[in-house]
Amino acid sequence: MIANITISEKSFGPKSLMSNVRFTINDAEKIGVIGRNGVGKSTLFGVLAGTDKDFTGEIVFKPGSVVVATKQEHHDVGEQTVLQYVLEGLPEYADLSHVIETYPMTMGDDLNKINQYSEAIQRFDDKGFYQIEEQIERELDNFQLPDVAHRPFRTLSGGQKRLVEVVKIMHSQAQLALIDEPTNHMDYIAKQQFIDWLKQARESVLVITHDRDVLREVDRIIELKDGGSASFKGNYDAYLKQNAVTTGTQMNDFEMVEKRIKNLKAKVIEYQRFKEKSRNPSTIQRFKRLEENSRKELAELETRQKPTFWIDKESVSNLNYKTAGQYEKFKAKNVRINLKNDESRSKHVLVSARNLSLGYDTPLFTGLNIDLREGEAMEFRGRNGAGKTTLIKEILGTGSATRFDGELTLDKQIRVGIYEQEVSPTYFNLPLEAAIEEMYLSRGLSISTTKIRSIMSDYLFNEGDGKIPIKNLSGGQKARFQLITMLANDPQLLILDEPTNHLDLPSIEELETALGKYSGAIIYVSHDGYFRDKFDGEVLKIGAQ
């Protein structure tokens, strides 16, 4: 065992976030951590990484273990290059390099230093450090970070820094690696490189992610829910099956408690009546005691919070009649995504391109053809930087690329909804309620306080969330705001850029279900294999694959 985690209390102000989180991490075990947005996944990461010590409990690591974690903030890197930043995380690298570089100038005939120098050279070779710089540069290139190895780390964007963090973890040779949402900024080739490393890594890995391609490769899944944690042996597909069974059992238990509460309320009234009608002192005392005991048990049961029940749709379809009825009654609230499902489709062309070539100084791609009609889906597939975003901007008429050849048209009469990875700066400093209002008004759409509250409820925001600036929302909350923005004008064409990033599993499933029934056209960019498998649309390959 590499770690034993116990968190008996973690609160933010009056709100208790965790009250019974307990699990272990075994040697070389790969663990995925999942949970609904807001349950405390990032908080757990901070606790495990040692950056958050304000909790009750105990985090015990195996003595002598090296634990590394992806960083969210980088304040003390100075003028370090990217390569230097990665190399400093390698155990022994700095010390061995110092000996190899400095001892030849100082050791002379000192046998002790000569031996240390010889041992350092041998150890450096055994660790594979002579090839390490070339290997790191190759991996940075695979992660779409060419020519950054010798740039100052501070000059990288936030997304680039996250990718470098993953490369650093991959070379840390630690006993335990803690990784938070590693694949959100990766294209499909970079993600596959990460997954290949995860599968063969000798260290234990705990990864917080809702990327189902990653979860398919883990040994165990820890789900944070209702202040506690539950452990599921196996990968994502095994989790879905086990979750359906355990949720069914939990619903039975909860229904028994509901029935017991109803029965106790009736008993309290019954004992009260018997007590009032009785004339015998001993009988009065007996019914008084029974009433008090029932009230006490009732008070204890009524303090219990309703558990969060979620079962994936495929597993729900296989439930027996009784369990399916329970689930319909008790299931957790999920986002409500309303997309028109009008089967009368005219099938006319919405987006057309012929022999298109776009770029800036030189073409990013050439000879591209599109024929997208109502009711159809099309995936834009290519590496980061291949021109996917450039093409989308040109379709929308907001791009600045040079058209080297070909034609591109968009039906000007249709309404377009866009899901982007980043929230528009227009809304960044506005509270959520004000951002929704501003977004509707800027599009000439009617909006009212009642409608804003209804929209917030549909997307799992509570009244207090409405006062929080968009910039302070969690990644999952920002993603839900982006869904609201995309669907505000009842679009006939949806353009989705990595829509599953930051959404939790139930929300991803709801989005996939809604899109499956959608009558309009869809253009999407996604490196989520499960999401891509939901659509039978054409794949448009852009740039070198």
Protein backbone atom coordinates (compact mmCIF):
# COMPACT_ATOMS: atom_id res chain seq x y z
CA MET A 1 0.00 0.00 0.00
CA ILE A 2 1.36 3.40 -1.00
CA ALA A 3 -1.22 5.66 0.71
CA ASN A 4 -4.07 5.57 3.21
CA ILE A 5 -6.52 8.48 2.98
CA THR A 6 -9.02 9.43 5.68
CA ILE A 7 -10.92 12.73 5.59
CA SER A 8 -13.57 12.90 8.29
CA GLU A 9 -14.37 16.60 7.86
CA LYS A 10 -13.68 19.21 5.21
CA SER A 11 -15.84 22.31 5.15
CA PHE A 12 -16.11 25.66 3.44
CA GLY A 13 -17.73 28.01 5.93
CA PRO A 14 -20.98 26.41 7.11
CA LYS A 15 -21.04 23.93 4.20
CA SER A 16 -19.63 20.46 4.84
CA LEU A 17 -18.03 19.14 1.67
CA MET A 18 -16.60 15.85 2.94
CA SER A 19 -17.46 13.84 6.01
CA ASN A 20 -16.50 10.25 5.27
CA VAL A 21 -13.86 9.97 2.54
CA ARG A 22 -11.77 6.86 3.06
CA PHE A 23 -9.73 4.84 0.59
CA THR A 24 -6.28 3.38 0.01
CA ILE A 25 -3.91 3.41 -2.97
CA ASN A 26 -1.94 0.25 -3.64
CA ASP A 27 1.49 -0.05 -5.22
CA ALA A 28 1.41 0.49 -9.02
CA GLU A 29 -2.38 0.89 -8.92
CA LYS A 30 -4.10 3.24 -11.37
CA ILE A 31 -7.11 4.98 -9.79
CA GLY A 32 -9.62 7.29 -11.46
CA VAL A 33 -11.51 9.77 -9.28
CA ILE A 34 -14.96 10.85 -10.46
CA GLY A 35 -17.92 12.74 -9.02
CA ARG A 36 -20.57 15.31 -9.85
CA ASN A 37 -19.40 18.88 -10.35
CA GLY A 38 -18.98 20.54 -6.96
CA VAL A 39 -18.53 17.42 -4.80
CA GLY A 40 -14.90 18.28 -3.98
CA LYS A 41 -12.62 16.55 -6.50
CA SER A 42 -10.27 19.53 -6.80
CA THR A 43 -10.40 19.95 -3.02
CA LEU A 44 -9.38 16.31 -2.57
CA PHE A 45 -6.51 16.87 -4.98
CA GLY A 46 -5.29 19.82 -2.91
CA VAL A 47 -5.46 17.76 0.28
CA LEU A 48 -3.52 14.86 -1.26
CA ALA A 49 -0.95 17.19 -2.83
CA GLY A 50 -0.39 18.87 0.55
CA THR A 51 -1.48 22.35 -0.56
CA ASP A 52 -4.68 22.21 1.53
CA LYS A 53 -4.15 21.31 5.18
CA ASP A 54 -7.43 22.69 6.55
CA PHE A 55 -9.24 19.41 7.12
CA THR A 56 -9.86 16.81 9.80
CA GLY A 57 -8.37 13.43 9.03
CA GLU A 58 -5.09 11.81 8.11
CA ILE A 59 -3.17 11.30 4.87
CA VAL A 60 -0.48 8.66 5.38
CA PHE A 61 2.06 7.86 2.66
CA LYS A 62 4.40 4.88 2.69
CA PRO A 63 7.69 5.94 4.35
CA GLY A 64 10.25 7.08 1.81
CA SER A 65 7.69 7.45 -0.97
CA VAL A 66 8.13 10.21 -3.54
CA VAL A 67 4.75 11.84 -4.28
CA VAL A 68 4.38 14.28 -7.18
CA ALA A 69 1.37 16.29 -8.35
CA THR A 70 0.49 18.46 -11.31
CA LYS A 71 0.62 22.11 -10.25
CA GLN A 72 -2.15 24.61 -10.88
CA GLU A 73 -0.04 27.69 -10.10
CA HIS A 74 3.53 28.54 -11.18
CA HIS A 75 4.85 31.57 -9.30
CA ASP A 76 8.49 30.67 -8.64
CA VAL A 77 9.84 29.41 -11.95
CA GLY A 78 11.83 32.56 -12.76
CA GLU A 79 13.66 32.26 -16.07
CA GLN A 80 13.76 28.46 -16.10
CA THR A 81 13.33 26.95 -19.54
CA VAL A 82 10.66 24.33 -20.13
CA LEU A 83 13.35 21.63 -20.33
CA GLN A 84 14.94 22.77 -17.06
CA TYR A 85 11.52 22.80 -15.39
CA VAL A 86 10.84 19.20 -16.42
CA LEU A 87 14.35 17.97 -15.57
CA GLU A 88 14.29 19.42 -12.04
CA GLY A 89 11.49 17.01 -11.24
CA LEU A 90 13.66 13.99 -12.01
CA PRO A 91 14.97 12.28 -8.86
CA GLU A 92 18.81 12.32 -8.80
CA TYR A 93 19.15 14.17 -12.11
CA ALA A 94 20.32 17.47 -10.64
CA ASP A 95 22.79 15.87 -8.19
CA LEU A 96 24.25 13.48 -10.77
CA SER A 97 24.55 16.25 -13.37
CA HIS A 98 26.36 18.45 -10.85
CA VAL A 99 28.93 15.71 -10.14
CA ILE A 100 29.49 14.91 -13.83
CA GLU A 101 29.84 18.56 -14.84
CA THR A 102 31.98 19.86 -11.94
CA TYR A 103 34.13 17.01 -10.60
CA PRO A 104 36.49 16.74 -13.62
CA MET A 105 37.66 20.28 -12.84
CA THR A 106 38.18 19.69 -9.11
CA MET A 107 38.82 16.02 -8.32
CA GLY A 108 42.49 15.79 -9.38
CA ASP A 109 43.96 12.64 -7.78
CA ASP A 110 41.30 12.46 -5.04
CA LEU A 111 40.31 8.77 -5.20
CA ASN A 112 37.12 9.39 -3.25
CA LYS A 113 35.94 11.99 -5.78
CA ILE A 114 37.10 9.85 -8.69
CA ASN A 115 34.97 6.98 -7.38
CA GLN A 116 31.97 9.31 -6.89
CA TYR A 117 32.45 10.61 -10.44
CA SER A 118 32.62 7.07 -11.89
CA GLU A 119 29.56 6.00 -9.94
CA ALA A 120 27.67 9.10 -11.07
CA ILE A 121 28.45 8.38 -14.74
CA GLN A 122 27.28 4.78 -14.33
CA ARG A 123 24.13 5.81 -12.45
CA PHE A 124 23.39 8.54 -15.01
CA ASP A 125 23.59 5.93 -17.77
CA ASP A 126 21.52 3.36 -15.83
CA LYS A 127 18.76 5.95 -15.37
CA GLY A 128 18.73 6.72 -19.09
CA PHE A 129 19.59 10.37 -18.47
CA TYR A 130 21.88 10.67 -21.50
CA GLN A 131 18.84 10.32 -23.76
CA ILE A 132 16.39 12.11 -21.52
CA GLU A 133 16.54 15.58 -23.08
CA GLU A 134 15.91 14.21 -26.57
CA GLN A 135 13.07 12.05 -25.22
CA ILE A 136 11.43 14.98 -23.43
CA GLU A 137 11.65 17.17 -26.53
CA ARG A 138 10.04 14.39 -28.59
CA GLU A 139 7.19 14.07 -26.08
CA LEU A 140 6.68 17.84 -26.00
CA ASP A 141 6.39 17.71 -29.77
CA ASN A 142 3.79 14.92 -29.53
CA PHE A 143 1.89 17.08 -27.07
CA GLN A 144 1.75 19.83 -29.70
CA LEU A 145 4.52 21.82 -28.01
CA PRO A 146 7.26 21.94 -30.67
CA ASP A 147 10.22 24.25 -30.14
CA VAL A 148 9.26 25.16 -26.55
CA ALA A 149 11.93 23.12 -24.73
CA HIS A 150 14.34 26.06 -24.56
CA ARG A 151 11.74 28.78 -24.09
CA PRO A 152 11.19 30.34 -20.64
CA PHE A 153 8.44 28.35 -18.91
CA ARG A 154 6.68 31.55 -17.84
CA THR A 155 5.97 32.47 -21.50
CA LEU A 156 3.68 29.46 -22.03
CA SER A 157 -0.11 29.71 -22.00
CA GLY A 158 -2.13 28.11 -19.22
CA GLY A 159 -3.04 25.13 -21.41
CA GLN A 160 0.57 24.65 -22.49
CA LYS A 161 1.74 24.70 -18.86
CA ARG A 162 -0.78 21.96 -18.02
CA LEU A 163 0.65 19.79 -20.81
CA VAL A 164 4.21 20.38 -19.58
CA GLU A 165 3.05 19.36 -16.09
CA VAL A 166 1.92 16.02 -17.51
CA VAL A 167 5.30 15.49 -19.24
CA LYS A 168 7.05 16.32 -15.97
CA ILE A 169 4.91 13.79 -14.08
CA MET A 170 5.63 11.14 -16.72
CA HIS A 171 9.36 11.48 -16.03
CA SER A 172 9.25 12.02 -12.28
CA GLN A 173 9.91 8.35 -11.40
CA ALA A 174 7.84 8.85 -8.27
CA GLN A 175 6.04 6.18 -6.27
CA LEU A 176 2.74 8.07 -6.55
CA ALA A 177 1.62 10.56 -9.23
CA LEU A 178 -1.41 12.80 -8.63
CA ILE A 179 -2.84 14.18 -11.88
CA ASP A 180 -5.78 16.57 -12.26
CA GLU A 181 -7.78 16.60 -15.56
CA PRO A 182 -4.74 15.82 -17.75
CA THR A 183 -6.40 15.41 -21.15
CA ASN A 184 -8.55 18.56 -21.40
CA HIS A 185 -6.03 20.36 -23.63
CA MET A 186 -4.79 17.32 -25.56
CA ASP A 187 -5.61 16.26 -29.10
CA TYR A 188 -6.22 12.59 -29.83
CA ILE A 189 -2.56 11.74 -30.53
CA ALA A 190 -1.30 13.47 -27.39
CA LYS A 191 -4.05 11.79 -25.36
CA GLN A 192 -3.09 8.39 -26.70
CA GLN A 193 0.51 9.06 -25.67
CA PHE A 194 -0.68 9.83 -22.14
CA ILE A 195 -2.87 6.71 -22.06
CA ASP A 196 0.00 4.54 -23.29
CA TRP A 197 2.18 5.91 -20.49
CA LEU A 198 -0.58 5.33 -17.93
CA LYS A 199 -0.98 1.69 -18.97
CA GLN A 200 2.72 0.88 -18.57
CA ALA A 201 3.64 3.23 -15.70
CA ARG A 202 5.32 1.50 -12.77
CA GLU A 203 4.23 4.14 -10.27
CA SER A 204 0.82 4.40 -8.63
CA VAL A 205 -1.36 7.00 -10.35
CA LEU A 206 -4.41 8.82 -9.06
CA VAL A 207 -6.07 10.80 -11.84
CA ILE A 208 -9.09 13.07 -11.46
CA THR A 209 -10.94 12.91 -14.76
CA HIS A 210 -14.24 12.35 -16.52
CA ASP A 211 -12.46 11.37 -19.73
CA ARG A 212 -13.94 7.94 -20.33
CA ASP A 213 -11.04 6.93 -22.59
CA VAL A 214 -8.73 7.38 -19.59
CA LEU A 215 -11.15 5.77 -17.14
CA ARG A 216 -11.29 2.72 -19.40
CA GLU A 217 -7.62 2.05 -18.53
CA VAL A 218 -7.69 2.37 -14.70
CA ASP A 219 -7.69 -0.47 -12.16
CA ARG A 220 -10.20 1.12 -9.80
CA ILE A 221 -12.60 4.06 -9.66
CA ILE A 222 -13.22 6.14 -6.55
CA GLU A 223 -16.47 8.08 -6.70
CA LEU A 224 -17.01 11.09 -4.43
CA LYS A 225 -20.67 11.37 -3.51
CA ASP A 226 -22.79 12.71 -0.66
CA GLY A 227 -19.74 13.70 1.38
CA GLY A 228 -18.19 10.25 1.24
CA SER A 229 -16.38 7.96 -1.18
CA ALA A 230 -17.19 4.64 -2.81
CA SER A 231 -14.67 2.26 -4.39
CA PHE A 232 -15.37 0.28 -7.57
CA LYS A 233 -12.88 -2.36 -8.71
CA GLY A 234 -12.11 -2.30 -12.43
CA ASN A 235 -12.39 0.28 -15.19
CA TYR A 236 -15.21 2.58 -16.37
CA ASP A 237 -17.28 -0.16 -17.99
CA ALA A 238 -17.01 -2.27 -14.82
CA TYR A 239 -17.98 0.81 -12.76
CA LEU A 240 -21.21 1.27 -14.73
CA LYS A 241 -22.29 -2.32 -14.03
CA GLN A 242 -21.35 -2.21 -10.34
CA ASN A 243 -22.91 1.22 -9.90
CA ALA A 244 -26.25 -0.05 -11.23
CA VAL A 245 -26.22 -2.88 -8.66
CA THR A 246 -25.11 -0.79 -5.67
CA THR A 247 -27.50 2.03 -6.56
CA GLY A 248 -30.34 -0.48 -6.72
CA THR A 249 -29.45 -1.69 -3.21
CA GLN A 250 -29.17 1.90 -1.93
CA MET A 251 -32.57 2.75 -3.39
CA ASN A 252 -34.09 -0.27 -1.62
CA ASP A 253 -32.56 0.86 1.65
CA PHE A 254 -33.74 4.43 1.11
CA GLU A 255 -37.27 3.28 0.27
CA MET A 256 -37.33 1.19 3.45
CA VAL A 257 -36.33 4.29 5.42
CA GLU A 258 -39.07 6.30 3.68
CA LYS A 259 -41.63 3.65 4.60
CA ARG A 260 -40.32 3.53 8.17
CA ILE A 261 -40.67 7.31 8.47
CA LYS A 262 -44.25 7.14 7.19
CA ASN A 263 -45.01 4.31 9.60
CA LEU A 264 -43.46 6.13 12.56
CA LYS A 265 -45.49 9.28 11.87
CA ALA A 266 -48.65 7.18 11.93
CA LYS A 267 -47.50 5.45 15.14
CA VAL A 268 -46.83 8.80 16.88
CA ILE A 269 -50.39 9.91 16.14
CA GLU A 270 -51.75 6.51 17.18
CA TYR A 271 -49.85 6.43 20.49
CA GLN A 272 -50.87 10.02 21.20
CA ARG A 273 -54.54 9.14 20.75
CA PHE A 274 -54.27 6.00 22.92
CA LYS A 275 -52.52 8.06 25.61
CA GLU A 276 -55.26 10.69 25.58
CA LYS A 277 -58.09 8.12 25.70
CA SER A 278 -56.57 5.94 28.40
CA ARG A 279 -57.53 6.34 32.04
CA ASN A 280 -55.05 3.89 33.54
CA PRO A 281 -51.80 5.66 34.71
CA SER A 282 -49.56 2.73 33.79
CA THR A 283 -51.17 2.48 30.34
CA ILE A 284 -50.72 6.23 29.86
CA GLN A 285 -47.02 5.90 30.74
CA ARG A 286 -46.61 2.96 28.36
CA PHE A 287 -48.08 4.87 25.40
CA LYS A 288 -46.13 7.99 26.36
CA ARG A 289 -42.90 5.95 26.30
CA LEU A 290 -43.80 4.39 22.94
CA GLU A 291 -44.60 7.84 21.54
CA GLU A 292 -41.29 9.30 22.79
CA ASN A 293 -39.28 6.39 21.37
CA SER A 294 -41.03 6.73 18.01
CA ARG A 295 -40.46 10.49 17.94
CA LYS A 296 -36.77 9.96 18.74
CA GLU A 297 -36.29 7.39 15.96
CA LEU A 298 -38.29 9.58 13.58
CA ALA A 299 -36.09 12.61 14.33
CA GLU A 300 -32.95 10.56 13.66
CA LEU A 301 -34.26 9.20 10.35
CA GLU A 302 -35.44 12.61 9.14
CA THR A 303 -31.95 14.08 9.57
CA ARG A 304 -30.59 11.68 6.96
CA GLN A 305 -29.91 13.27 3.60
CA LYS A 306 -31.33 11.66 0.49
CA PRO A 307 -28.45 9.90 -1.32
CA THR A 308 -27.54 10.85 -4.88
CA PHE A 309 -28.82 8.18 -7.25
CA TRP A 310 -27.50 7.97 -10.82
CA ILE A 311 -27.42 5.01 -13.21
CA ASP A 312 -26.32 5.28 -16.83
CA LYS A 313 -29.10 4.97 -19.41
CA GLU A 314 -27.94 1.64 -20.85
CA SER A 315 -27.95 0.05 -17.40
CA VAL A 316 -31.36 1.60 -16.65
CA SER A 317 -32.78 -0.13 -19.72
CA ASN A 318 -31.73 -3.49 -18.20
CA LEU A 319 -33.25 -2.90 -14.75
CA ASN A 320 -36.17 -4.98 -13.58
CA TYR A 321 -39.59 -3.33 -13.35
CA LYS A 322 -39.43 -2.60 -9.63
CA THR A 323 -35.91 -1.12 -9.63
CA ALA A 324 -36.65 0.94 -12.75
CA GLY A 325 -39.70 2.39 -10.98
CA GLN A 326 -37.61 3.22 -7.93
CA TYR A 327 -34.99 4.93 -10.08
CA GLU A 328 -37.59 7.05 -11.85
CA LYS A 329 -38.85 8.13 -8.43
CA PHE A 330 -35.52 8.74 -6.68
CA LYS A 331 -32.97 9.61 -9.40
CA ALA A 332 -30.76 12.65 -8.91
CA LYS A 333 -31.61 15.85 -10.71
CA ASN A 334 -29.67 16.26 -13.93
CA VAL A 335 -29.28 19.07 -16.45
CA ARG A 336 -32.30 19.46 -18.73
CA ILE A 337 -31.13 20.13 -22.28
CA ASN A 338 -34.02 21.00 -24.55
CA LEU A 339 -33.33 20.56 -28.25
CA LYS A 340 -36.01 20.51 -30.91
CA ASN A 341 -36.85 17.05 -32.22
CA ASP A 342 -38.90 17.90 -35.30
CA GLU A 343 -38.84 14.94 -37.68
CA SER A 344 -39.93 17.06 -40.66
CA ARG A 345 -36.50 17.90 -42.02
CA SER A 346 -36.07 19.59 -45.33
CA LYS A 347 -32.54 18.21 -45.64
CA HIS A 348 -31.34 21.34 -47.39
CA VAL A 349 -27.63 22.17 -47.34
CA LEU A 350 -26.53 24.33 -44.39
CA VAL A 351 -22.75 24.38 -44.90
CA SER A 352 -20.98 23.82 -48.21
CA ALA A 353 -17.30 23.89 -49.19
CA ARG A 354 -15.62 23.02 -52.46
CA ASN A 355 -11.87 22.48 -52.86
CA LEU A 356 -11.29 24.86 -49.93
CA SER A 357 -7.81 25.97 -48.89
CA LEU A 358 -7.31 28.25 -45.88
CA GLY A 359 -4.28 29.52 -43.99
CA TYR A 360 -2.27 32.57 -43.14
CA ASP A 361 1.19 32.97 -44.66
CA THR A 362 0.84 29.49 -46.13
CA PRO A 363 -2.17 27.11 -46.42
CA LEU A 364 -3.09 25.06 -43.35
CA PHE A 365 -5.01 22.63 -45.55
CA THR A 366 -6.09 22.24 -49.18
CA GLY A 367 -8.78 20.47 -51.21
CA LEU A 368 -11.37 20.36 -48.43
CA ASN A 369 -15.04 19.58 -49.27
CA ILE A 370 -18.15 19.86 -47.06
CA ASP A 371 -21.79 19.05 -47.74
CA LEU A 372 -23.64 19.31 -44.41
CA ARG A 373 -27.43 19.06 -44.36
CA GLU A 374 -30.10 19.26 -41.67
CA GLY A 375 -30.13 16.23 -39.40
CA GLU A 376 -26.52 15.32 -40.18
CA ALA A 377 -23.41 15.35 -37.98
CA MET A 378 -19.84 16.01 -39.08
CA GLU A 379 -16.66 15.66 -37.04
CA PHE A 380 -13.72 17.95 -37.76
CA ARG A 381 -10.72 15.77 -36.93
CA GLY A 382 -7.12 16.93 -36.85
CA ARG A 383 -4.24 17.71 -34.55
CA ASN A 384 -4.15 20.89 -32.53
CA GLY A 385 -3.09 23.64 -34.92
CA ALA A 386 -4.22 21.78 -38.05
CA GLY A 387 -6.84 24.41 -38.82
CA LYS A 388 -10.06 23.17 -37.17
CA THR A 389 -10.70 26.44 -35.32
CA THR A 390 -9.67 28.45 -38.40
CA LEU A 391 -12.26 26.59 -40.48
CA ILE A 392 -15.00 27.08 -37.88
CA LYS A 393 -14.32 30.82 -37.73
CA GLU A 394 -14.47 31.07 -41.50
CA ILE A 395 -17.81 29.23 -41.54
CA LEU A 396 -19.15 31.75 -39.02
CA GLY A 397 -17.66 34.70 -40.88
CA THR A 398 -15.50 35.76 -37.91
CA GLY A 399 -12.12 34.56 -39.17
CA SER A 400 -9.14 36.43 -40.59
CA ALA A 401 -7.53 33.61 -42.57
CA THR A 402 -6.55 33.87 -46.22
CA ARG A 403 -8.60 31.83 -48.67
CA PHE A 404 -6.04 30.43 -51.11
CA ASP A 405 -8.57 28.46 -53.11
CA GLY A 406 -12.14 27.14 -53.23
CA GLU A 407 -15.58 28.17 -52.00
CA LEU A 408 -17.28 28.19 -48.59
CA THR A 409 -20.92 29.06 -47.87
CA LEU A 410 -23.21 29.05 -44.85
CA ASP A 411 -26.98 29.37 -45.14
CA LYS A 412 -27.48 32.91 -43.82
CA GLN A 413 -31.06 32.20 -42.70
CA ILE A 414 -30.20 29.60 -40.09
CA ARG A 415 -29.56 30.14 -36.38
CA VAL A 416 -26.23 28.85 -35.09
CA GLY A 417 -25.38 27.77 -31.56
CA ILE A 418 -21.71 27.60 -30.56
CA TYR A 419 -20.14 25.72 -27.66
CA GLU A 420 -16.63 27.02 -27.01
CA GLN A 421 -14.01 25.81 -24.53
CA GLU A 422 -13.46 29.29 -23.12
CA VAL A 423 -16.12 31.68 -21.81
CA SER A 424 -16.29 34.97 -23.72
CA PRO A 425 -14.50 37.85 -21.90
CA THR A 426 -17.78 39.78 -22.28
CA TYR A 427 -19.29 37.73 -19.46
CA PHE A 428 -16.21 36.92 -17.40
CA ASN A 429 -16.70 39.55 -14.68
CA LEU A 430 -20.51 39.44 -14.62
CA PRO A 431 -22.46 37.48 -11.99
CA LEU A 432 -24.15 34.42 -13.50
CA GLU A 433 -27.67 35.95 -13.48
CA ALA A 434 -26.43 39.15 -15.13
CA ALA A 435 -24.39 37.16 -17.68
CA ILE A 436 -27.46 35.15 -18.75
CA GLU A 437 -29.51 38.34 -19.05
CA GLU A 438 -26.78 40.16 -21.02
CA MET A 439 -26.31 37.18 -23.34
CA TYR A 440 -30.03 36.99 -24.17
CA LEU A 441 -30.43 40.75 -24.64
CA SER A 442 -27.34 40.97 -26.89
CA ARG A 443 -29.06 38.52 -29.25
CA GLY A 444 -32.37 40.36 -29.22
CA LEU A 445 -34.03 37.58 -27.23
CA SER A 446 -36.65 38.14 -24.52
CA ILE A 447 -35.61 37.38 -20.94
CA SER A 448 -37.12 37.86 -17.49
CA THR A 449 -36.16 37.16 -13.90
CA THR A 450 -38.49 34.17 -13.86
CA LYS A 451 -36.95 32.76 -17.03
CA ILE A 452 -33.41 33.27 -15.70
CA ARG A 453 -34.29 31.30 -12.56
CA SER A 454 -35.88 28.56 -14.65
CA ILE A 455 -32.78 28.31 -16.88
CA MET A 456 -30.50 28.18 -13.84
CA SER A 457 -32.60 25.40 -12.33
CA ASP A 458 -32.49 23.42 -15.60
CA TYR A 459 -28.69 23.56 -15.50
CA LEU A 460 -28.31 22.72 -11.79
CA PHE A 461 -27.50 26.22 -10.54
CA ASN A 462 -29.02 27.32 -7.24
CA GLU A 463 -30.12 30.83 -6.33
CA GLY A 464 -26.82 31.63 -4.60
CA ASP A 465 -24.86 30.71 -7.74
CA GLY A 466 -26.58 33.55 -9.57
CA LYS A 467 -24.57 36.12 -7.62
CA ILE A 468 -21.18 34.52 -8.34
CA PRO A 469 -19.07 36.09 -11.14
CA ILE A 470 -18.56 33.76 -14.10
CA LYS A 471 -14.78 33.88 -13.58
CA ASN A 472 -15.21 32.36 -10.09
CA LEU A 473 -17.37 29.43 -11.20
CA SER A 474 -15.89 25.94 -11.33
CA GLY A 475 -14.90 24.39 -14.65
CA GLY A 476 -18.09 22.32 -14.68
CA GLN A 477 -20.28 25.34 -13.92
CA LYS A 478 -18.63 27.33 -16.72
CA ALA A 479 -19.30 24.41 -19.08
CA ARG A 480 -22.98 24.48 -18.14
CA PHE A 481 -23.08 28.25 -18.78
CA GLN A 482 -21.60 27.54 -22.21
CA LEU A 483 -24.47 25.11 -22.89
CA ILE A 484 -26.97 27.82 -21.93
CA THR A 485 -25.22 30.22 -24.31
CA MET A 486 -25.20 27.70 -27.16
CA LEU A 487 -28.90 26.88 -26.96
CA ALA A 488 -30.36 30.33 -26.20
CA ASN A 489 -31.50 31.10 -29.78
CA ASP A 490 -33.01 27.67 -30.55
CA PRO A 491 -30.26 26.90 -33.11
CA GLN A 492 -30.60 24.85 -36.28
CA LEU A 493 -26.84 24.26 -36.48
CA LEU A 494 -24.68 23.39 -33.47
CA ILE A 495 -20.91 23.84 -33.47
CA LEU A 496 -19.30 22.02 -30.54
CA ASP A 497 -15.66 22.42 -29.54
CA GLU A 498 -14.69 19.70 -27.02
CA PRO A 499 -18.13 19.78 -25.33
CA THR A 500 -17.40 17.01 -22.79
CA ASN A 501 -14.47 18.81 -21.15
CA HIS A 502 -15.35 19.72 -17.53
CA LEU A 503 -18.82 18.11 -17.63
CA ASP A 504 -19.49 15.32 -15.14
CA LEU A 505 -20.60 11.89 -16.35
CA PRO A 506 -24.39 12.35 -15.91
CA SER A 507 -24.24 15.71 -17.73
CA ILE A 508 -22.19 14.19 -20.57
CA GLU A 509 -24.77 11.43 -20.94
CA GLU A 510 -27.64 13.95 -20.97
CA LEU A 511 -25.84 16.00 -23.65
CA GLU A 512 -25.24 12.89 -25.78
CA THR A 513 -28.88 11.85 -25.44
CA ALA A 514 -30.16 15.31 -26.40
CA LEU A 515 -27.82 15.52 -29.40
CA GLY A 516 -28.92 12.06 -30.52
CA LYS A 517 -32.51 13.32 -30.83
CA TYR A 518 -31.60 16.71 -32.28
CA SER A 519 -33.15 17.48 -35.67
CA GLY A 520 -30.63 20.14 -36.73
CA ALA A 521 -27.09 19.75 -38.01
CA ILE A 522 -24.01 19.29 -35.82
CA ILE A 523 -20.35 20.13 -36.40
CA TYR A 524 -18.14 18.92 -33.58
CA VAL A 525 -14.54 18.66 -32.49
CA SER A 526 -13.96 16.04 -29.81
CA HIS A 527 -11.14 13.79 -28.67
CA ASP A 528 -13.56 11.81 -26.47
CA GLY A 529 -13.80 8.36 -28.08
CA TYR A 530 -17.07 7.53 -26.30
CA PHE A 531 -18.65 10.80 -27.50
CA ARG A 532 -17.50 10.26 -31.09
CA ASP A 533 -18.93 6.73 -31.11
CA LYS A 534 -22.42 8.16 -30.45
CA PHE A 535 -22.57 9.74 -33.91
CA ASP A 536 -22.54 8.14 -37.36
CA GLY A 537 -21.68 11.36 -39.16
CA GLU A 538 -18.92 11.95 -41.65
CA VAL A 539 -15.36 12.52 -40.40
CA LEU A 540 -13.65 15.44 -42.11
CA LYS A 541 -9.88 15.02 -41.77
CA ILE A 542 -8.03 18.32 -41.57
CA GLY A 543 -4.27 18.54 -42.03
CA ALA A 544 -1.78 15.74 -41.39
CA GLN A 545 -3.17 12.97 -39.18
